[in-house]
C-alpha atoms as a PDB file:
ATOM      1  CA  SER A   1       0.000   0.000   0.000  1.00  0.00           C
ATOM      2  CA  TYR A   2       1.041   3.615  -0.365  1.00  0.00           C
ATOM      3  CA  GLY A   3       1.406   4.032   3.383  1.00  0.00           C
ATOM      4  CA  ASP A   4       4.300   1.577   3.393  1.00  0.00           C
ATOM      5  CA  HIS A   5       6.589   3.743   1.258  1.00  0.00           C
ATOM      6  CA  LEU A   6       8.395   7.042   1.636  1.00  0.00           C
ATOM      7  CA  CYS A   7       9.664   9.126  -1.248  1.00  0.00           C
ATOM      8  CA  PHE A   8      12.036  12.088  -1.000  1.00  0.00           C
ATOM      9  CA  THR A   9      12.871  14.464  -3.840  1.00  0.00           C
ATOM     10  CA  GLY A  10      15.835  16.659  -4.586  1.00  0.00           C
ATOM     11  CA  ILE A  11      16.493  19.305  -7.210  1.00  0.00           C
ATOM     12  CA  SER A  12      19.756  20.797  -8.445  1.00  0.00           C
ATOM     13  CA  VAL A  13      19.967  23.826  -6.137  1.00  0.00           C
ATOM     14  CA  ARG A  14      23.027  24.430  -3.959  1.00  0.00           C
ATOM     15  CA  GLU A  15      22.800  25.229  -0.240  1.00  0.00           C
ATOM     16  CA  ASP A  16      23.454  28.913  -0.936  1.00  0.00           C
ATOM     17  CA  GLY A  17      20.409  28.984  -3.248  1.00  0.00           C
ATOM     18  CA  THR A  18      22.246  29.087  -6.574  1.00  0.00           C
ATOM     19  CA  GLN A  19      21.025  26.921  -9.421  1.00  0.00           C
ATOM     20  CA  ALA A  20      23.194  24.132 -10.845  1.00  0.00           C
ATOM     21  CA  TYR A  21      22.392  23.274 -14.454  1.00  0.00           C
ATOM     22  CA  LEU A  22      20.980  19.702 -14.612  1.00  0.00           C
ATOM     23  CA  ASP A  23      23.301  18.456 -11.844  1.00  0.00           C
ATOM     24  CA  ALA A  24      21.940  14.986 -11.054  1.00  0.00           C
ATOM     25  CA  ASN A  25      24.565  14.365  -8.362  1.00  0.00           C
ATOM     26  CA  LEU A  26      23.484  17.462  -6.472  1.00  0.00           C
ATOM     27  CA  SER A  27      19.823  16.502  -6.876  1.00  0.00           C
ATOM     28  CA  PHE A  28      20.482  13.019  -5.481  1.00  0.00           C
ATOM     29  CA  ARG A  29      22.444  14.520  -2.586  1.00  0.00           C
ATOM     30  CA  ASN A  30      19.547  16.859  -1.779  1.00  0.00           C
ATOM     31  CA  ALA A  31      17.077  13.942  -1.861  1.00  0.00           C
ATOM     32  CA  CYS A  32      19.288  11.967   0.537  1.00  0.00           C
ATOM     33  CA  LEU A  33      19.611  14.970   2.844  1.00  0.00           C
ATOM     34  CA  ALA A  34      15.818  15.297   2.865  1.00  0.00           C
ATOM     35  CA  ALA A  35      15.557  11.632   3.874  1.00  0.00           C
ATOM     36  CA  ILE A  36      18.119  12.133   6.644  1.00  0.00           C
ATOM     37  CA  ARG A  37      16.240  15.206   7.929  1.00  0.00           C
ATOM     38  CA  TYR A  38      13.004  13.204   7.997  1.00  0.00           C
ATOM     39  CA  LEU A  39      14.579  10.263   9.810  1.00  0.00           C
ATOM     40  CA  THR A  40      16.153  12.531  12.432  1.00  0.00           C
ATOM     41  CA  ARG A  41      13.104  14.730  13.045  1.00  0.00           C
ATOM     42  CA  VAL A  42      10.235  12.258  12.769  1.00  0.00           C
ATOM     43  CA  MET A  43      11.776   8.871  13.529  1.00  0.00           C
ATOM     44  CA  ASP A  44      14.220  10.101  16.248  1.00  0.00           C
ATOM     45  CA  TYR A  45      17.350   8.662  14.632  1.00  0.00           C
ATOM     46  CA  THR A  46      20.656  10.457  15.065  1.00  0.00           C
ATOM     47  CA  PRO A  47      22.091  11.896  11.827  1.00  0.00           C
ATOM     48  CA  GLU A  48      24.746   9.170  11.872  1.00  0.00           C
ATOM     49  CA  GLN A  49      22.134   6.427  12.244  1.00  0.00           C
ATOM     50  CA  ALA A  50      20.042   7.889   9.429  1.00  0.00           C
ATOM     51  CA  TYR A  51      23.100   8.076   7.139  1.00  0.00           C
ATOM     52  CA  LEU A  52      24.005   4.456   7.882  1.00  0.00           C
ATOM     53  CA  LEU A  53      20.403   3.375   7.338  1.00  0.00           C
ATOM     54  CA  LEU A  54      20.369   4.974   3.884  1.00  0.00           C
ATOM     55  CA  GLY A  55      23.599   3.178   3.075  1.00  0.00           C
ATOM     56  CA  ALA A  56      22.321  -0.227   4.177  1.00  0.00           C
ATOM     57  CA  ALA A  57      18.592  -0.170   3.396  1.00  0.00           C
ATOM     58  CA  PRO A  58      17.286  -1.287   0.005  1.00  0.00           C
ATOM     59  CA  ILE A  59      16.510   2.196  -1.296  1.00  0.00           C
ATOM     60  CA  VAL A  60      15.947   3.137  -4.922  1.00  0.00           C
ATOM     61  CA  GLY A  61      17.332   6.312  -6.448  1.00  0.00           C
ATOM     62  CA  ARG A  62      15.628   7.396  -9.665  1.00  0.00           C
ATOM     63  CA  VAL A  63      15.904  10.193 -12.148  1.00  0.00           C
ATOM     64  CA  ALA A  64      12.349  11.443 -12.053  1.00  0.00           C
ATOM     65  CA  GLN A  65      12.550  14.393 -14.410  1.00  0.00           C
ATOM     66  CA  VAL A  66      15.086  16.316 -16.482  1.00  0.00           C
ATOM     67  CA  VAL A  67      12.765  18.200 -18.811  1.00  0.00           C
ATOM     68  CA  ASP A  68      12.380  21.311 -16.648  1.00  0.00           C
ATOM     69  CA  VAL A  69      15.695  22.901 -17.569  1.00  0.00           C
ATOM     70  CA  PRO A  70      17.749  23.820 -15.547  1.00  0.00           C
ATOM     71  CA  ASN A  71      16.416  21.486 -12.843  1.00  0.00           C
ATOM     72  CA  ALA A  72      17.103  17.790 -12.554  1.00  0.00           C
ATOM     73  CA  LEU A  73      14.666  16.042 -10.203  1.00  0.00           C
ATOM     74  CA  LEU A  74      15.735  12.829  -8.497  1.00  0.00           C
ATOM     75  CA  THR A  75      13.919  10.716  -5.951  1.00  0.00           C
ATOM     76  CA  VAL A  76      14.960   8.375  -3.161  1.00  0.00           C
ATOM     77  CA  GLU A  77      12.332   5.768  -2.309  1.00  0.00           C
END
């Protein structure tokens, strides 16, 4: 069911707010950081535990969209 899954998105915008042109690596990093923020705030994991969980859990990273230039949208599920 849909309640059994979480999906986090990231776009190619740097921490200082500047746009990176279709940078999929930055988008994936932002999606992972969103997942870590969720796990630390909602699930009460430490940031280190959340990082290790993302490295060990069977997550799926996908390129969701690259048609909205200059953004690349990636998801972590």
